Amino acid sequence: MRYLGLDLGSKTIGVALSDTTMTIASIYKTIYFNNEDYYSTIYEIEKIVRENDVKKIILGFPKNMNNTLGERAMVTTEYQKKLEESLNIPVILFDERLTSVISNSVLIDADMSRKKRKKKVDGLAAQIILQDYLNKERNERNEQRKYF
C-alpha cells in the first residue's frame, strides 16, 4: 500500500510516491498536459495508482497566504472530485502554501540551472506535500498512542 502526492499546476502535475511503510516520499515523475486540460491526466494517474497499489491521493491545496481560497483552489477542488469519481479512492486536499518556493530554494541551493529547475520543481513540490502529510499522519498516530 502506498500514497500518491500531487502538485497541480496549469501545465504540469508533479507526482510523488510514498514507500510501502508510509514513511518516505520520493519524486515519481512530472505529467505534462495542454494548458489547463487537467482531466486529460486522469488516465495516467489511474495507471500509476493501479501499478503501485495506491490507496490514497494527497493533492496540494493552494490556499492564499491569508487562508482564503482563490481561483486555483476552486480548480483544485473540482479536480479532486473528478479524481475521486474516476479512481474510487480518497483524494485528500492538503495545504501546499510555499511548497513551490521551498522547492525552488532547495534546487537553487543545489546549484541547479534554471532550465533543470523548471523540470524538477513540480515533482519536488509534490514530494514535499506528500512528506508533510506522511509526517502529520504519523504524529497524529503517535499522539493517539499516548492515551491508550
N, C-alpha and C. Protein backbone atom coordinates (compact mmCIF):
# COMPACT_ATOMS: atom_id res chain seq x y z
N MET A 1 0.83 -1.18 0.00
CA MET A 1 0.00 0.00 0.00
C MET A 1 0.89 1.25 0.00
N ARG A 2 0.48 2.25 -0.77
CA ARG A 2 1.23 3.50 -0.87
C ARG A 2 0.26 4.67 -0.97
N TYR A 3 0.82 5.87 -0.79
CA TYR A 3 0.10 7.11 -1.03
C TYR A 3 0.76 7.81 -2.21
N LEU A 4 -0.05 8.59 -2.93
CA LEU A 4 0.44 9.37 -4.06
C LEU A 4 0.26 10.84 -3.74
N GLY A 5 1.29 11.64 -3.96
CA GLY A 5 1.21 13.08 -3.77
C GLY A 5 1.16 13.78 -5.11
N LEU A 6 0.29 14.79 -5.23
CA LEU A 6 0.16 15.54 -6.48
C LEU A 6 0.25 17.03 -6.24
N ASP A 7 0.99 17.70 -7.13
CA ASP A 7 1.05 19.16 -7.14
C ASP A 7 0.53 19.61 -8.50
N LEU A 8 -0.71 20.13 -8.52
CA LEU A 8 -1.39 20.51 -9.76
C LEU A 8 -1.01 21.91 -10.19
N GLY A 9 -0.44 22.01 -11.38
CA GLY A 9 -0.14 23.31 -11.97
C GLY A 9 -1.05 23.55 -13.16
N SER A 10 -0.80 24.61 -13.92
CA SER A 10 -1.64 24.90 -15.07
C SER A 10 -1.22 24.10 -16.31
N LYS A 11 0.02 23.56 -16.32
CA LYS A 11 0.51 22.78 -17.46
C LYS A 11 1.17 21.47 -17.05
N THR A 12 1.40 21.28 -15.74
CA THR A 12 2.07 20.08 -15.25
C THR A 12 1.45 19.63 -13.93
N ILE A 13 1.67 18.35 -13.65
CA ILE A 13 1.34 17.81 -12.33
C ILE A 13 2.59 17.12 -11.83
N GLY A 14 3.11 17.60 -10.69
CA GLY A 14 4.21 16.91 -10.04
C GLY A 14 3.64 15.71 -9.30
N VAL A 15 4.32 14.58 -9.40
CA VAL A 15 3.84 13.33 -8.79
C VAL A 15 4.92 12.78 -7.87
N ALA A 16 4.52 12.43 -6.65
CA ALA A 16 5.41 11.79 -5.68
C ALA A 16 4.73 10.53 -5.17
N LEU A 17 5.52 9.59 -4.71
CA LEU A 17 5.02 8.31 -4.24
C LEU A 17 5.66 7.98 -2.91
N SER A 18 4.86 7.46 -1.98
CA SER A 18 5.42 7.05 -0.69
C SER A 18 6.02 5.66 -0.82
N ASP A 19 6.86 5.31 0.15
CA ASP A 19 7.31 3.92 0.24
C ASP A 19 6.18 3.11 0.86
N THR A 20 6.32 1.80 0.94
CA THR A 20 5.24 0.96 1.45
C THR A 20 5.05 1.08 2.96
N THR A 21 6.02 1.65 3.66
CA THR A 21 5.88 1.84 5.11
C THR A 21 5.23 3.19 5.44
N MET A 22 4.92 3.98 4.41
CA MET A 22 4.32 5.31 4.57
C MET A 22 5.21 6.24 5.39
N THR A 23 6.51 6.13 5.18
CA THR A 23 7.48 6.93 5.92
C THR A 23 8.16 7.97 5.05
N ILE A 24 8.52 7.58 3.83
CA ILE A 24 9.32 8.45 2.97
C ILE A 24 8.60 8.70 1.64
N ALA A 25 8.56 9.95 1.24
CA ALA A 25 8.01 10.34 -0.06
C ALA A 25 9.17 10.58 -1.02
N SER A 26 9.00 10.14 -2.26
CA SER A 26 10.02 10.34 -3.29
C SER A 26 9.37 10.89 -4.55
N ILE A 27 10.14 11.68 -5.28
CA ILE A 27 9.65 12.18 -6.56
C ILE A 27 9.43 10.99 -7.48
N TYR A 28 8.30 10.97 -8.16
CA TYR A 28 7.99 9.88 -9.09
C TYR A 28 8.13 10.35 -10.54
N LYS A 29 7.44 11.44 -10.89
CA LYS A 29 7.53 11.97 -12.25
C LYS A 29 6.78 13.29 -12.33
N THR A 30 6.85 13.91 -13.49
CA THR A 30 6.05 15.09 -13.81
C THR A 30 5.21 14.74 -15.03
N ILE A 31 3.92 15.01 -14.94
CA ILE A 31 3.00 14.78 -16.05
C ILE A 31 2.75 16.13 -16.73
N TYR A 32 2.94 16.17 -18.04
CA TYR A 32 2.72 17.39 -18.82
C TYR A 32 1.38 17.28 -19.54
N PHE A 33 0.68 18.40 -19.66
CA PHE A 33 -0.59 18.43 -20.38
C PHE A 33 -0.79 19.80 -20.99
N ASN A 34 -1.74 19.90 -21.93
CA ASN A 34 -2.05 21.19 -22.55
C ASN A 34 -2.62 22.13 -21.50
N ASN A 35 -2.36 23.40 -21.67
CA ASN A 35 -2.75 24.44 -20.71
C ASN A 35 -4.16 24.22 -20.14
N GLU A 36 -4.23 23.97 -18.87
CA GLU A 36 -5.45 23.81 -18.08
C GLU A 36 -6.36 22.67 -18.53
N ASP A 37 -5.84 21.68 -19.24
CA ASP A 37 -6.60 20.49 -19.61
C ASP A 37 -6.35 19.40 -18.56
N TYR A 38 -6.75 19.69 -17.34
CA TYR A 38 -6.46 18.85 -16.18
C TYR A 38 -6.98 17.42 -16.33
N TYR A 39 -8.16 17.29 -16.90
CA TYR A 39 -8.81 15.97 -16.93
C TYR A 39 -8.11 15.00 -17.87
N SER A 40 -7.28 15.50 -18.77
CA SER A 40 -6.54 14.62 -19.67
C SER A 40 -5.50 13.80 -18.91
N THR A 41 -5.22 14.17 -17.67
CA THR A 41 -4.19 13.48 -16.88
C THR A 41 -4.72 12.28 -16.09
N ILE A 42 -6.03 12.15 -16.02
CA ILE A 42 -6.61 11.15 -15.12
C ILE A 42 -6.23 9.73 -15.52
N TYR A 43 -6.19 9.42 -16.81
CA TYR A 43 -5.81 8.07 -17.23
C TYR A 43 -4.40 7.72 -16.74
N GLU A 44 -3.46 8.65 -16.89
CA GLU A 44 -2.08 8.39 -16.45
C GLU A 44 -1.99 8.22 -14.94
N ILE A 45 -2.73 9.03 -14.21
CA ILE A 45 -2.74 8.90 -12.74
C ILE A 45 -3.39 7.58 -12.33
N GLU A 46 -4.45 7.20 -13.02
CA GLU A 46 -5.09 5.92 -12.75
C GLU A 46 -4.11 4.76 -12.94
N LYS A 47 -3.31 4.83 -13.98
CA LYS A 47 -2.31 3.79 -14.25
C LYS A 47 -1.28 3.73 -13.12
N ILE A 48 -0.81 4.88 -12.66
CA ILE A 48 0.15 4.93 -11.54
C ILE A 48 -0.47 4.33 -10.29
N VAL A 49 -1.72 4.68 -10.01
CA VAL A 49 -2.44 4.17 -8.84
C VAL A 49 -2.52 2.65 -8.90
N ARG A 50 -2.91 2.12 -10.03
CA ARG A 50 -3.07 0.68 -10.20
C ARG A 50 -1.74 -0.05 -10.07
N GLU A 51 -0.69 0.46 -10.73
CA GLU A 51 0.61 -0.21 -10.75
C GLU A 51 1.33 -0.18 -9.40
N ASN A 52 0.97 0.78 -8.54
CA ASN A 52 1.70 0.96 -7.29
C ASN A 52 0.85 0.72 -6.04
N ASP A 53 -0.34 0.13 -6.20
CA ASP A 53 -1.22 -0.18 -5.08
C ASP A 53 -1.46 1.06 -4.20
N VAL A 54 -1.79 2.18 -4.85
CA VAL A 54 -2.05 3.44 -4.13
C VAL A 54 -3.44 3.39 -3.52
N LYS A 55 -3.52 3.71 -2.23
CA LYS A 55 -4.80 3.67 -1.50
C LYS A 55 -5.34 5.05 -1.17
N LYS A 56 -4.49 6.09 -1.34
CA LYS A 56 -4.93 7.45 -1.04
C LYS A 56 -4.07 8.42 -1.84
N ILE A 57 -4.72 9.49 -2.33
CA ILE A 57 -4.01 10.55 -3.04
C ILE A 57 -4.04 11.80 -2.18
N ILE A 58 -2.89 12.45 -2.06
CA ILE A 58 -2.75 13.71 -1.34
C ILE A 58 -2.54 14.78 -2.40
N LEU A 59 -3.52 15.66 -2.53
CA LEU A 59 -3.50 16.69 -3.57
C LEU A 59 -3.21 18.04 -2.92
N GLY A 60 -2.15 18.69 -3.38
CA GLY A 60 -1.80 20.00 -2.85
C GLY A 60 -2.94 20.99 -3.03
N PHE A 61 -3.29 21.70 -1.96
CA PHE A 61 -4.41 22.65 -1.97
C PHE A 61 -3.84 24.06 -1.85
N PRO A 62 -3.94 24.85 -2.93
CA PRO A 62 -3.28 26.16 -2.95
C PRO A 62 -4.09 27.28 -2.28
N LYS A 63 -4.00 27.35 -0.98
CA LYS A 63 -4.65 28.44 -0.25
C LYS A 63 -3.82 29.71 -0.39
N ASN A 64 -4.49 30.85 -0.30
CA ASN A 64 -3.77 32.13 -0.26
C ASN A 64 -3.09 32.25 1.09
N MET A 65 -2.10 33.12 1.17
CA MET A 65 -1.35 33.28 2.42
C MET A 65 -2.24 33.74 3.58
N ASN A 66 -3.34 34.44 3.28
CA ASN A 66 -4.26 34.88 4.34
C ASN A 66 -5.34 33.83 4.63
N ASN A 67 -5.15 32.61 4.12
CA ASN A 67 -6.01 31.45 4.36
C ASN A 67 -7.32 31.48 3.57
N THR A 68 -7.46 32.42 2.61
CA THR A 68 -8.64 32.44 1.77
C THR A 68 -8.43 31.52 0.57
N LEU A 69 -9.51 31.27 -0.15
CA LEU A 69 -9.44 30.40 -1.31
C LEU A 69 -9.64 31.22 -2.58
N GLY A 70 -8.73 31.05 -3.53
CA GLY A 70 -8.81 31.76 -4.80
C GLY A 70 -9.23 30.83 -5.92
N GLU A 71 -9.04 31.31 -7.13
CA GLU A 71 -9.44 30.55 -8.32
C GLU A 71 -8.71 29.21 -8.41
N ARG A 72 -7.41 29.18 -8.11
CA ARG A 72 -6.64 27.92 -8.18
C ARG A 72 -7.18 26.88 -7.19
N ALA A 73 -7.63 27.34 -6.03
CA ALA A 73 -8.21 26.41 -5.05
C ALA A 73 -9.51 25.81 -5.59
N MET A 74 -10.30 26.60 -6.27
CA MET A 74 -11.55 26.11 -6.85
C MET A 74 -11.27 25.07 -7.95
N VAL A 75 -10.28 25.34 -8.79
CA VAL A 75 -9.89 24.40 -9.84
C VAL A 75 -9.42 23.09 -9.20
N THR A 76 -8.64 23.21 -8.15
CA THR A 76 -8.11 22.02 -7.46
C THR A 76 -9.24 21.21 -6.83
N THR A 77 -10.22 21.87 -6.26
CA THR A 77 -11.36 21.17 -5.66
C THR A 77 -12.15 20.40 -6.73
N GLU A 78 -12.34 21.00 -7.89
CA GLU A 78 -13.02 20.31 -8.99
C GLU A 78 -12.22 19.10 -9.46
N TYR A 79 -10.90 19.27 -9.53
CA TYR A 79 -10.03 18.17 -9.94
C TYR A 79 -10.09 17.03 -8.91
N GLN A 80 -10.12 17.39 -7.63
CA GLN A 80 -10.24 16.39 -6.57
C GLN A 80 -11.50 15.54 -6.76
N LYS A 81 -12.62 16.20 -7.03
CA LYS A 81 -13.90 15.48 -7.22
C LYS A 81 -13.81 14.53 -8.41
N LYS A 82 -13.21 15.02 -9.49
CA LYS A 82 -13.09 14.19 -10.70
C LYS A 82 -12.19 12.98 -10.45
N LEU A 83 -11.09 13.18 -9.72
CA LEU A 83 -10.21 12.05 -9.38
C LEU A 83 -10.94 11.02 -8.53
N GLU A 84 -11.65 11.48 -7.50
CA GLU A 84 -12.38 10.55 -6.63
C GLU A 84 -13.42 9.76 -7.41
N GLU A 85 -14.15 10.42 -8.30
CA GLU A 85 -15.14 9.74 -9.15
C GLU A 85 -14.49 8.68 -10.03
N SER A 86 -13.39 9.04 -10.64
CA SER A 86 -12.72 8.17 -11.61
C SER A 86 -11.97 7.02 -10.96
N LEU A 87 -11.34 7.27 -9.82
CA LEU A 87 -10.44 6.28 -9.23
C LEU A 87 -11.03 5.53 -8.05
N ASN A 88 -12.09 6.06 -7.47
CA ASN A 88 -12.76 5.42 -6.34
C ASN A 88 -11.84 5.19 -5.14
N ILE A 89 -10.94 6.15 -4.89
CA ILE A 89 -10.12 6.16 -3.68
C ILE A 89 -10.16 7.58 -3.10
N PRO A 90 -9.86 7.73 -1.81
CA PRO A 90 -9.89 9.07 -1.23
C PRO A 90 -8.81 9.99 -1.82
N VAL A 91 -9.21 11.24 -2.05
CA VAL A 91 -8.27 12.28 -2.50
C VAL A 91 -8.35 13.39 -1.46
N ILE A 92 -7.30 13.53 -0.69
CA ILE A 92 -7.24 14.47 0.42
C ILE A 92 -6.60 15.78 -0.04
N LEU A 93 -7.29 16.89 0.22
CA LEU A 93 -6.70 18.20 -0.06
C LEU A 93 -5.79 18.56 1.11
N PHE A 94 -4.55 18.96 0.80
CA PHE A 94 -3.57 19.26 1.84
C PHE A 94 -2.86 20.56 1.52
N ASP A 95 -2.83 21.46 2.47
CA ASP A 95 -2.27 22.80 2.31
C ASP A 95 -0.87 22.74 1.70
N GLU A 96 -0.71 23.45 0.58
CA GLU A 96 0.58 23.42 -0.12
C GLU A 96 1.28 24.77 -0.11
N ARG A 97 0.82 25.69 0.72
CA ARG A 97 1.44 27.02 0.69
C ARG A 97 2.95 26.93 0.84
N LEU A 98 3.63 27.65 -0.01
CA LEU A 98 5.09 27.81 -0.03
C LEU A 98 5.86 26.58 -0.53
N THR A 99 5.19 25.50 -0.92
CA THR A 99 5.96 24.33 -1.37
C THR A 99 6.77 24.62 -2.63
N SER A 100 6.22 25.39 -3.56
CA SER A 100 6.98 25.73 -4.77
C SER A 100 8.16 26.64 -4.44
N VAL A 101 7.95 27.56 -3.50
CA VAL A 101 9.04 28.44 -3.07
C VAL A 101 10.15 27.62 -2.42
N ILE A 102 9.78 26.69 -1.54
CA ILE A 102 10.75 25.82 -0.87
C ILE A 102 11.48 24.96 -1.91
N SER A 103 10.72 24.42 -2.86
CA SER A 103 11.30 23.57 -3.90
C SER A 103 12.34 24.33 -4.72
N ASN A 104 11.99 25.52 -5.15
CA ASN A 104 12.93 26.34 -5.91
C ASN A 104 14.17 26.67 -5.10
N SER A 105 13.96 26.99 -3.83
CA SER A 105 15.08 27.32 -2.95
C SER A 105 16.04 26.14 -2.81
N VAL A 106 15.49 24.94 -2.62
CA VAL A 106 16.32 23.74 -2.49
C VAL A 106 17.12 23.51 -3.77
N LEU A 107 16.47 23.68 -4.91
CA LEU A 107 17.15 23.44 -6.19
C LEU A 107 18.20 24.51 -6.49
N ILE A 108 17.93 25.75 -6.08
CA ILE A 108 18.93 26.81 -6.24
C ILE A 108 20.13 26.52 -5.36
N ASP A 109 19.86 26.10 -4.11
CA ASP A 109 20.95 25.74 -3.19
C ASP A 109 21.79 24.59 -3.74
N ALA A 110 21.15 23.73 -4.53
CA ALA A 110 21.87 22.61 -5.14
C ALA A 110 22.60 23.04 -6.41
N ASP A 111 22.57 24.35 -6.69
CA ASP A 111 23.25 24.94 -7.84
C ASP A 111 22.74 24.38 -9.17
N MET A 112 21.43 24.16 -9.23
CA MET A 112 20.82 23.64 -10.44
C MET A 112 20.45 24.80 -11.36
N SER A 113 20.69 24.63 -12.65
CA SER A 113 20.37 25.68 -13.62
C SER A 113 18.86 25.92 -13.69
N ARG A 114 18.49 27.11 -14.15
CA ARG A 114 17.07 27.47 -14.26
C ARG A 114 16.31 26.45 -15.12
N LYS A 115 16.92 26.02 -16.21
CA LYS A 115 16.28 25.07 -17.13
C LYS A 115 16.01 23.73 -16.42
N LYS A 116 16.99 23.24 -15.69
CA LYS A 116 16.81 21.98 -14.96
C LYS A 116 15.83 22.14 -13.80
N ARG A 117 15.87 23.29 -13.13
CA ARG A 117 14.94 23.56 -12.02
C ARG A 117 13.50 23.48 -12.50
N LYS A 118 13.24 24.04 -13.66
CA LYS A 118 11.88 24.08 -14.20
C LYS A 118 11.34 22.66 -14.39
N LYS A 119 12.21 21.71 -14.74
CA LYS A 119 11.79 20.33 -14.94
C LYS A 119 11.60 19.58 -13.62
N LYS A 120 12.25 20.01 -12.55
CA LYS A 120 12.24 19.28 -11.28
C LYS A 120 11.32 19.87 -10.22
N VAL A 121 10.97 21.15 -10.33
CA VAL A 121 10.30 21.84 -9.23
C VAL A 121 8.93 21.23 -8.90
N ASP A 122 8.18 20.80 -9.90
CA ASP A 122 6.84 20.26 -9.64
C ASP A 122 6.90 18.92 -8.89
N GLY A 123 7.81 18.06 -9.30
CA GLY A 123 7.97 16.79 -8.60
C GLY A 123 8.44 16.98 -7.18
N LEU A 124 9.36 17.92 -6.98
CA LEU A 124 9.84 18.20 -5.62
C LEU A 124 8.72 18.78 -4.77
N ALA A 125 7.89 19.67 -5.34
CA ALA A 125 6.76 20.22 -4.60
C ALA A 125 5.80 19.10 -4.19
N ALA A 126 5.54 18.16 -5.10
CA ALA A 126 4.67 17.01 -4.77
C ALA A 126 5.29 16.17 -3.66
N GLN A 127 6.61 15.99 -3.71
CA GLN A 127 7.29 15.23 -2.66
C GLN A 127 7.15 15.93 -1.31
N ILE A 128 7.29 17.24 -1.27
CA ILE A 128 7.16 17.99 -0.01
C ILE A 128 5.74 17.89 0.52
N ILE A 129 4.75 18.03 -0.36
CA ILE A 129 3.35 17.91 0.05
C ILE A 129 3.10 16.54 0.67
N LEU A 130 3.52 15.50 -0.02
CA LEU A 130 3.30 14.13 0.47
C LEU A 130 4.07 13.87 1.75
N GLN A 131 5.32 14.30 1.82
CA GLN A 131 6.12 14.08 3.03
C GLN A 131 5.51 14.80 4.23
N ASP A 132 5.03 16.03 4.03
CA ASP A 132 4.36 16.77 5.11
C ASP A 132 3.12 16.02 5.59
N TYR A 133 2.37 15.46 4.65
CA TYR A 133 1.18 14.69 5.02
C TYR A 133 1.56 13.43 5.79
N LEU A 134 2.56 12.71 5.31
CA LEU A 134 3.00 11.48 6.00
C LEU A 134 3.46 11.81 7.42
N ASN A 135 4.22 12.90 7.58
CA ASN A 135 4.68 13.31 8.91
C ASN A 135 3.51 13.66 9.82
N LYS A 136 2.54 14.39 9.29
CA LYS A 136 1.36 14.77 10.07
C LYS A 136 0.59 13.53 10.51
N GLU A 137 0.38 12.60 9.59
CA GLU A 137 -0.36 11.38 9.90
C GLU A 137 0.37 10.55 10.96
N ARG A 138 1.69 10.45 10.84
CA ARG A 138 2.48 9.70 11.82
C ARG A 138 2.42 10.36 13.20
N ASN A 139 2.52 11.69 13.23
CA ASN A 139 2.43 12.42 14.51
C ASN A 139 1.07 12.23 15.16
N GLU A 140 0.01 12.22 14.37
CA GLU A 140 -1.33 12.01 14.92
C GLU A 140 -1.47 10.61 15.50
N ARG A 141 -0.91 9.61 14.82
CA ARG A 141 -0.94 8.23 15.36
C ARG A 141 -0.17 8.15 16.67
N ASN A 142 0.98 8.80 16.72
CA ASN A 142 1.79 8.78 17.95
C ASN A 142 1.06 9.47 19.09
N GLU A 143 0.36 10.55 18.81
CA GLU A 143 -0.41 11.25 19.84
C GLU A 143 -1.53 10.37 20.37
N GLN A 144 -2.20 9.64 19.48
CA GLN A 144 -3.28 8.75 19.90
C GLN A 144 -2.75 7.63 20.78
N ARG A 145 -1.57 7.12 20.48
CA ARG A 145 -0.98 6.03 21.27
C ARG A 145 -0.67 6.44 22.69
N LYS A 146 -0.42 7.72 22.91
CA LYS A 146 -0.11 8.20 24.26
C LYS A 146 -1.26 7.99 25.23
N TYR A 147 -2.47 7.94 24.69
CA TYR A 147 -3.64 7.87 25.54
C TYR A 147 -4.23 6.47 25.66
N PHE A 148 -3.54 5.48 25.09
CA PHE A 148 -4.03 4.11 25.18
C PHE A 148 -3.04 3.20 25.82
